[in-house]
Amino acid sequence: MSNDTEDLVHQVLGRSEIEPKLAEEILSIGRLKKVKAGGVVISPDSTGNEMPIVLEGLLKVMRQDQAGGEIFLYFLEGGETCAMSITCCIEGKKKAFHVVAEEDSILWMIPMTYIDSWVVKYKSFRKFVFDAYQTRFDEMLNTIDSVVFLKMDQRLYKYLLDKKQASGTFVINKTHEQIANELNTSRVVVSRLLKQLEREGKIEQYRNRIEIM
């Protein structure tokens, strides 16, 4: 392991107030994983039981139905982990979601076999896991609320704002087709609504790029 990688892991774990002793265990047991934008980190067919911690980059979590349709749930930023992957691995359930790199990302993968003992042994890790559950639960409630209560134009604008906040940039490099897939709607609808948002002065559109004003 390079010193740069070790420093990055310590930096990310330090933000979560992980005890030094546990940080050393995480370093010695985990492994580095680099994923290019669009690469799959976790899928319904994944056989590996590992919990990813985002060191750098951005992941998106998508829900998949039996017909193969998808809907965007939430983003995972630096220092965060996927609480749903913990639940599925501990309970031995088939994953009904997949995690994809929204941009080039660096992850630290931890074997699930250590999670139970760390939750009992380390207060900071217990808080880290429970905070992840609470954050993801709140975000999924927001997703449900947007689907049930918001019109599609409002859902689309909220999605753009969420993406801006998660990535830290006003520029969104996505095609209309990609956005439509994540919102589980049609490209025609997305194109029409983006044009409406542009007329309202909320965004500007370029080829495969959207800028939030």
C-alpha atoms as a PDB file:
ATOM      1  CA  MET A   1       0.000   0.000   0.000  1.00  0.00           C
ATOM      2  CA  SER A   2       1.359   3.428  -0.920  1.00  0.00           C
ATOM      3  CA  ASN A   3       1.728   6.199   1.641  1.00  0.00           C
ATOM      4  CA  ASP A   4      -0.699   8.314  -0.389  1.00  0.00           C
ATOM      5  CA  THR A   5      -3.389   5.621  -0.130  1.00  0.00           C
ATOM      6  CA  GLU A   6      -2.797   5.172   3.590  1.00  0.00           C
ATOM      7  CA  ASP A   7      -3.015   8.919   4.158  1.00  0.00           C
ATOM      8  CA  LEU A   8      -6.244   9.117   2.140  1.00  0.00           C
ATOM      9  CA  VAL A   9      -7.878   6.316   4.136  1.00  0.00           C
ATOM     10  CA  HIS A  10      -6.824   7.912   7.438  1.00  0.00           C
ATOM     11  CA  GLN A  11      -8.120  11.282   6.256  1.00  0.00           C
ATOM     12  CA  VAL A  12     -11.539   9.897   5.319  1.00  0.00           C
ATOM     13  CA  LEU A  13     -11.874   7.785   8.464  1.00  0.00           C
ATOM     14  CA  GLY A  14     -10.761  10.733  10.575  1.00  0.00           C
ATOM     15  CA  ARG A  15     -13.715  12.773   9.322  1.00  0.00           C
ATOM     16  CA  SER A  16     -15.983  10.013  10.668  1.00  0.00           C
ATOM     17  CA  GLU A  17     -14.157  10.079  14.033  1.00  0.00           C
ATOM     18  CA  ILE A  18     -13.102   6.430  13.751  1.00  0.00           C
ATOM     19  CA  GLU A  19     -10.800   5.358  16.613  1.00  0.00           C
ATOM     20  CA  PRO A  20      -7.111   5.041  15.622  1.00  0.00           C
ATOM     21  CA  LYS A  21      -7.027   1.350  16.577  1.00  0.00           C
ATOM     22  CA  LEU A  22     -10.021   0.574  14.378  1.00  0.00           C
ATOM     23  CA  ALA A  23      -8.572   2.695  11.564  1.00  0.00           C
ATOM     24  CA  GLU A  24      -5.479   0.502  11.604  1.00  0.00           C
ATOM     25  CA  GLU A  25      -7.651  -2.640  11.411  1.00  0.00           C
ATOM     26  CA  ILE A  26      -9.591  -1.201   8.494  1.00  0.00           C
ATOM     27  CA  LEU A  27      -6.331  -0.380   6.744  1.00  0.00           C
ATOM     28  CA  SER A  28      -4.844  -3.837   7.245  1.00  0.00           C
ATOM     29  CA  ILE A  29      -7.995  -5.768   6.313  1.00  0.00           C
ATOM     30  CA  GLY A  30      -9.453  -3.666   3.489  1.00  0.00           C
ATOM     31  CA  ARG A  31      -8.380  -3.335  -0.132  1.00  0.00           C
ATOM     32  CA  LEU A  32      -8.209  -0.490  -2.613  1.00  0.00           C
ATOM     33  CA  LYS A  33     -10.616  -0.474  -5.551  1.00  0.00           C
ATOM     34  CA  LYS A  34     -10.568   2.047  -8.389  1.00  0.00           C
ATOM     35  CA  VAL A  35     -13.633   2.354 -10.572  1.00  0.00           C
ATOM     36  CA  LYS A  36     -14.015   4.338 -13.784  1.00  0.00           C
ATOM     37  CA  ALA A  37     -17.149   6.411 -14.360  1.00  0.00           C
ATOM     38  CA  GLY A  38     -19.956   4.035 -15.340  1.00  0.00           C
ATOM     39  CA  GLY A  39     -18.288   1.041 -13.690  1.00  0.00           C
ATOM     40  CA  VAL A  40     -20.455  -1.245 -11.546  1.00  0.00           C
ATOM     41  CA  VAL A  41     -19.438  -1.537  -7.886  1.00  0.00           C
ATOM     42  CA  ILE A  42     -22.324  -3.691  -6.612  1.00  0.00           C
ATOM     43  CA  SER A  43     -24.969  -5.477  -8.683  1.00  0.00           C
ATOM     44  CA  PRO A  44     -27.841  -7.878  -7.918  1.00  0.00           C
ATOM     45  CA  ASP A  45     -25.581 -10.712  -9.108  1.00  0.00           C
ATOM     46  CA  SER A  46     -22.579  -9.681  -7.004  1.00  0.00           C
ATOM     47  CA  THR A  47     -21.097 -12.601  -5.074  1.00  0.00           C
ATOM     48  CA  GLY A  48     -18.512 -10.663  -3.048  1.00  0.00           C
ATOM     49  CA  ASN A  49     -19.557  -9.577   0.441  1.00  0.00           C
ATOM     50  CA  GLU A  50     -17.766  -6.285   0.893  1.00  0.00           C
ATOM     51  CA  MET A  51     -18.754  -2.877   2.197  1.00  0.00           C
ATOM     52  CA  PRO A  52     -17.442   0.034   0.110  1.00  0.00           C
ATOM     53  CA  ILE A  53     -16.285   3.281   1.695  1.00  0.00           C
ATOM     54  CA  VAL A  54     -15.931   6.117  -0.797  1.00  0.00           C
ATOM     55  CA  LEU A  55     -12.492   7.727  -0.525  1.00  0.00           C
ATOM     56  CA  GLU A  56     -12.790   9.924  -3.612  1.00  0.00           C
ATOM     57  CA  GLY A  57     -15.409  10.340  -6.303  1.00  0.00           C
ATOM     58  CA  LEU A  58     -19.140   9.777  -6.392  1.00  0.00           C
ATOM     59  CA  LEU A  59     -21.347   6.678  -6.579  1.00  0.00           C
ATOM     60  CA  LYS A  60     -25.045   6.425  -7.370  1.00  0.00           C
ATOM     61  CA  VAL A  61     -27.425   3.793  -6.014  1.00  0.00           C
ATOM     62  CA  MET A  62     -30.155   2.558  -8.358  1.00  0.00           C
ATOM     63  CA  ARG A  63     -33.199   0.394  -7.555  1.00  0.00           C
ATOM     64  CA  GLN A  64     -34.089  -2.277 -10.098  1.00  0.00           C
ATOM     65  CA  ASP A  65     -37.498  -3.882 -10.588  1.00  0.00           C
ATOM     66  CA  GLN A  66     -38.302  -7.346 -11.950  1.00  0.00           C
ATOM     67  CA  ALA A  67     -38.898  -5.976 -15.431  1.00  0.00           C
ATOM     68  CA  GLY A  68     -35.418  -4.437 -15.574  1.00  0.00           C
ATOM     69  CA  GLY A  69     -36.571  -0.868 -14.996  1.00  0.00           C
ATOM     70  CA  GLU A  70     -34.463   1.400 -12.780  1.00  0.00           C
ATOM     71  CA  ILE A  71     -34.886   4.446 -10.626  1.00  0.00           C
ATOM     72  CA  PHE A  72     -32.264   6.624  -8.949  1.00  0.00           C
ATOM     73  CA  LEU A  73     -32.248   6.478  -5.127  1.00  0.00           C
ATOM     74  CA  TYR A  74     -29.304   8.514  -3.830  1.00  0.00           C
ATOM     75  CA  PHE A  75     -25.632   9.415  -4.205  1.00  0.00           C
ATOM     76  CA  LEU A  76     -22.705   8.240  -2.072  1.00  0.00           C
ATOM     77  CA  GLU A  77     -20.009  10.849  -1.520  1.00  0.00           C
ATOM     78  CA  GLY A  78     -16.544  10.792   0.036  1.00  0.00           C
ATOM     79  CA  GLY A  79     -16.529   9.152   3.471  1.00  0.00           C
ATOM     80  CA  GLU A  80     -19.913   7.479   2.985  1.00  0.00           C
ATOM     81  CA  THR A  81     -20.880   3.828   2.646  1.00  0.00           C
ATOM     82  CA  CYS A  82     -23.857   1.904   1.263  1.00  0.00           C
ATOM     83  CA  ALA A  83     -26.084   0.857   4.157  1.00  0.00           C
ATOM     84  CA  MET A  84     -28.207  -1.390   1.916  1.00  0.00           C
ATOM     85  CA  SER A  85     -25.170  -3.505   1.040  1.00  0.00           C
ATOM     86  CA  ILE A  86     -24.610  -4.129   4.759  1.00  0.00           C
ATOM     87  CA  THR A  87     -28.207  -5.290   5.266  1.00  0.00           C
ATOM     88  CA  CYS A  88     -28.216  -7.591   2.225  1.00  0.00           C
ATOM     89  CA  CYS A  89     -24.911  -9.236   3.114  1.00  0.00           C
ATOM     90  CA  ILE A  90     -25.718  -9.735   6.806  1.00  0.00           C
ATOM     91  CA  GLU A  91     -29.162 -11.191   6.048  1.00  0.00           C
ATOM     92  CA  GLY A  92     -27.982 -13.143   2.993  1.00  0.00           C
ATOM     93  CA  LYS A  93     -30.567 -11.511   0.718  1.00  0.00           C
ATOM     94  CA  LYS A  94     -30.259 -11.058  -3.038  1.00  0.00           C
ATOM     95  CA  LYS A  95     -29.494  -7.443  -3.814  1.00  0.00           C
ATOM     96  CA  ALA A  96     -32.370  -5.573  -5.459  1.00  0.00           C
ATOM     97  CA  PHE A  97     -30.186  -2.579  -6.272  1.00  0.00           C
ATOM     98  CA  HIS A  98     -26.898  -1.754  -7.887  1.00  0.00           C
ATOM     99  CA  VAL A  99     -24.195   0.788  -7.203  1.00  0.00           C
ATOM    100  CA  VAL A 100     -22.486   2.505 -10.127  1.00  0.00           C
ATOM    101  CA  ALA A 101     -19.624   5.013 -10.240  1.00  0.00           C
ATOM    102  CA  GLU A 102     -21.050   8.377 -11.264  1.00  0.00           C
ATOM    103  CA  GLU A 103     -17.489   9.595 -11.825  1.00  0.00           C
ATOM    104  CA  ASP A 104     -14.014   8.078 -11.494  1.00  0.00           C
ATOM    105  CA  SER A 105     -13.885   6.893  -7.891  1.00  0.00           C
ATOM    106  CA  ILE A 106     -11.508   5.412  -5.341  1.00  0.00           C
ATOM    107  CA  LEU A 107     -13.034   3.004  -2.810  1.00  0.00           C
ATOM    108  CA  TRP A 108     -11.867   1.085   0.231  1.00  0.00           C
ATOM    109  CA  MET A 109     -13.539  -2.332   0.307  1.00  0.00           C
ATOM    110  CA  ILE A 110     -14.041  -3.994   3.708  1.00  0.00           C
ATOM    111  CA  PRO A 111     -15.046  -7.696   4.079  1.00  0.00           C
ATOM    112  CA  MET A 112     -18.480  -8.022   5.700  1.00  0.00           C
ATOM    113  CA  THR A 113     -17.222 -10.763   8.038  1.00  0.00           C
ATOM    114  CA  TYR A 114     -15.736  -8.080  10.303  1.00  0.00           C
ATOM    115  CA  ILE A 115     -18.756  -5.790  10.494  1.00  0.00           C
ATOM    116  CA  ASP A 116     -20.617  -7.525  13.348  1.00  0.00           C
ATOM    117  CA  SER A 117     -17.603  -7.641  15.659  1.00  0.00           C
ATOM    118  CA  TRP A 118     -16.635  -4.039  14.921  1.00  0.00           C
ATOM    119  CA  VAL A 119     -20.172  -2.800  15.675  1.00  0.00           C
ATOM    120  CA  VAL A 120     -19.958  -4.456  19.102  1.00  0.00           C
ATOM    121  CA  LYS A 121     -16.322  -3.579  19.813  1.00  0.00           C
ATOM    122  CA  TYR A 122     -16.076   0.017  18.570  1.00  0.00           C
ATOM    123  CA  LYS A 123     -18.522   2.767  19.462  1.00  0.00           C
ATOM    124  CA  SER A 124     -17.300   4.954  16.596  1.00  0.00           C
ATOM    125  CA  PHE A 125     -17.956   2.227  14.016  1.00  0.00           C
ATOM    126  CA  ARG A 126     -21.408   1.573  15.462  1.00  0.00           C
ATOM    127  CA  LYS A 127     -22.186   5.267  15.064  1.00  0.00           C
ATOM    128  CA  PHE A 128     -20.713   5.253  11.536  1.00  0.00           C
ATOM    129  CA  VAL A 129     -23.002   2.375  10.461  1.00  0.00           C
ATOM    130  CA  PHE A 130     -26.119   3.741  12.183  1.00  0.00           C
ATOM    131  CA  ASP A 131     -25.529   7.210  10.735  1.00  0.00           C
ATOM    132  CA  ALA A 132     -25.255   5.615   7.283  1.00  0.00           C
ATOM    133  CA  TYR A 133     -28.599   3.856   7.818  1.00  0.00           C
ATOM    134  CA  GLN A 134     -30.270   7.082   8.980  1.00  0.00           C
ATOM    135  CA  THR A 135     -28.883   9.149   6.114  1.00  0.00           C
ATOM    136  CA  ARG A 136     -29.869   6.602   3.470  1.00  0.00           C
ATOM    137  CA  PHE A 137     -33.319   6.164   5.048  1.00  0.00           C
ATOM    138  CA  ASP A 138     -33.912   9.924   4.939  1.00  0.00           C
ATOM    139  CA  GLU A 139     -32.747  10.088   1.316  1.00  0.00           C
ATOM    140  CA  MET A 140     -35.000   7.215   0.274  1.00  0.00           C
ATOM    141  CA  LEU A 141     -37.942   8.962   1.957  1.00  0.00           C
ATOM    142  CA  ASN A 142     -37.086  12.048  -0.088  1.00  0.00           C
ATOM    143  CA  THR A 143     -37.043   9.905  -3.232  1.00  0.00           C
ATOM    144  CA  ILE A 144     -40.436   8.412  -2.363  1.00  0.00           C
ATOM    145  CA  ASP A 145     -41.835  11.866  -1.615  1.00  0.00           C
ATOM    146  CA  SER A 146     -40.577  13.221  -4.947  1.00  0.00           C
ATOM    147  CA  VAL A 147     -42.130  10.304  -6.866  1.00  0.00           C
ATOM    148  CA  VAL A 148     -45.469  10.532  -5.053  1.00  0.00           C
ATOM    149  CA  PHE A 149     -45.887  14.257  -4.482  1.00  0.00           C
ATOM    150  CA  LEU A 150     -43.835  16.106  -7.095  1.00  0.00           C
ATOM    151  CA  LYS A 151     -44.640  16.617 -10.748  1.00  0.00           C
ATOM    152  CA  MET A 152     -42.056  15.357 -13.198  1.00  0.00           C
ATOM    153  CA  ASP A 153     -40.620  18.830 -13.841  1.00  0.00           C
ATOM    154  CA  GLN A 154     -40.100  19.289 -10.086  1.00  0.00           C
ATOM    155  CA  ARG A 155     -38.546  15.812  -9.789  1.00  0.00           C
ATOM    156  CA  LEU A 156     -36.186  16.581 -12.636  1.00  0.00           C
ATOM    157  CA  TYR A 157     -35.052  19.908 -11.159  1.00  0.00           C
ATOM    158  CA  LYS A 158     -34.605  18.301  -7.703  1.00  0.00           C
ATOM    159  CA  TYR A 159     -32.503  15.566  -9.312  1.00  0.00           C
ATOM    160  CA  LEU A 160     -30.280  18.181 -10.962  1.00  0.00           C
ATOM    161  CA  LEU A 161     -29.856  20.076  -7.688  1.00  0.00           C
ATOM    162  CA  ASP A 162     -29.049  16.852  -5.791  1.00  0.00           C
ATOM    163  CA  LYS A 163     -26.444  16.000  -8.401  1.00  0.00           C
ATOM    164  CA  LYS A 164     -24.928  19.491  -8.109  1.00  0.00           C
ATOM    165  CA  GLN A 165     -24.712  19.237  -4.330  1.00  0.00           C
ATOM    166  CA  ALA A 166     -23.225  15.724  -4.365  1.00  0.00           C
ATOM    167  CA  SER A 167     -20.620  16.429  -7.050  1.00  0.00           C
ATOM    168  CA  GLY A 168     -19.785  19.972  -5.966  1.00  0.00           C
ATOM    169  CA  THR A 169     -20.108  21.377  -9.482  1.00  0.00           C
ATOM    170  CA  PHE A 170     -22.772  23.259 -11.411  1.00  0.00           C
ATOM    171  CA  VAL A 171     -21.946  21.277 -14.568  1.00  0.00           C
ATOM    172  CA  ILE A 172     -23.741  17.963 -15.153  1.00  0.00           C
ATOM    173  CA  ASN A 173     -22.266  15.820 -17.901  1.00  0.00           C
ATOM    174  CA  LYS A 174     -25.200  13.596 -18.811  1.00  0.00           C
ATOM    175  CA  THR A 175     -27.304  12.875 -21.856  1.00  0.00           C
ATOM    176  CA  HIS A 176     -31.077  13.231 -21.813  1.00  0.00           C
ATOM    177  CA  GLU A 177     -31.295   9.451 -22.198  1.00  0.00           C
ATOM    178  CA  GLN A 178     -29.172   8.844 -19.088  1.00  0.00           C
ATOM    179  CA  ILE A 179     -31.274  11.215 -16.986  1.00  0.00           C
ATOM    180  CA  ALA A 180     -34.480   9.606 -18.268  1.00  0.00           C
ATOM    181  CA  ASN A 181     -33.227   6.154 -17.265  1.00  0.00           C
ATOM    182  CA  GLU A 182     -32.416   7.311 -13.750  1.00  0.00           C
ATOM    183  CA  LEU A 183     -35.815   8.964 -13.304  1.00  0.00           C
ATOM    184  CA  ASN A 184     -37.603   5.997 -14.915  1.00  0.00           C
ATOM    185  CA  THR A 185     -39.248   8.108 -17.597  1.00  0.00           C
ATOM    186  CA  SER A 186     -38.803   8.724 -21.317  1.00  0.00           C
ATOM    187  CA  ARG A 187     -36.105  10.742 -23.071  1.00  0.00           C
ATOM    188  CA  VAL A 188     -38.781  12.797 -24.842  1.00  0.00           C
ATOM    189  CA  VAL A 189     -40.268  13.898 -21.517  1.00  0.00           C
ATOM    190  CA  VAL A 190     -36.848  14.805 -20.092  1.00  0.00           C
ATOM    191  CA  SER A 191     -35.893  16.776 -23.216  1.00  0.00           C
ATOM    192  CA  ARG A 192     -39.152  18.721 -23.108  1.00  0.00           C
ATOM    193  CA  LEU A 193     -38.823  19.528 -19.398  1.00  0.00           C
ATOM    194  CA  LEU A 194     -35.158  20.521 -19.687  1.00  0.00           C
ATOM    195  CA  LYS A 195     -36.154  22.938 -22.440  1.00  0.00           C
ATOM    196  CA  GLN A 196     -38.799  24.340 -20.090  1.00  0.00           C
ATOM    197  CA  LEU A 197     -36.228  24.771 -17.293  1.00  0.00           C
ATOM    198  CA  GLU A 198     -33.938  26.509 -19.782  1.00  0.00           C
ATOM    199  CA  ARG A 199     -36.678  28.946 -20.749  1.00  0.00           C
ATOM    200  CA  GLU A 200     -37.205  29.673 -17.053  1.00  0.00           C
ATOM    201  CA  GLY A 201     -33.505  30.557 -16.722  1.00  0.00           C
ATOM    202  CA  LYS A 202     -32.756  27.735 -14.281  1.00  0.00           C
ATOM    203  CA  ILE A 203     -30.323  25.870 -16.541  1.00  0.00           C
ATOM    204  CA  GLU A 204     -28.345  26.209 -19.747  1.00  0.00           C
ATOM    205  CA  GLN A 205     -27.940  23.273 -22.130  1.00  0.00           C
ATOM    206  CA  TYR A 206     -25.020  22.233 -24.296  1.00  0.00           C
ATOM    207  CA  ARG A 207     -24.146  18.992 -26.053  1.00  0.00           C
ATOM    208  CA  ASN A 208     -24.305  16.238 -23.391  1.00  0.00           C
ATOM    209  CA  ARG A 209     -23.877  18.908 -20.721  1.00  0.00           C
ATOM    210  CA  ILE A 210     -26.196  20.896 -18.470  1.00  0.00           C
ATOM    211  CA  GLU A 211     -25.208  23.903 -16.371  1.00  0.00           C
ATOM    212  CA  ILE A 212     -27.323  24.933 -13.398  1.00  0.00           C
ATOM    213  CA  MET A 213     -27.687  28.695 -13.109  1.00  0.00           C
END
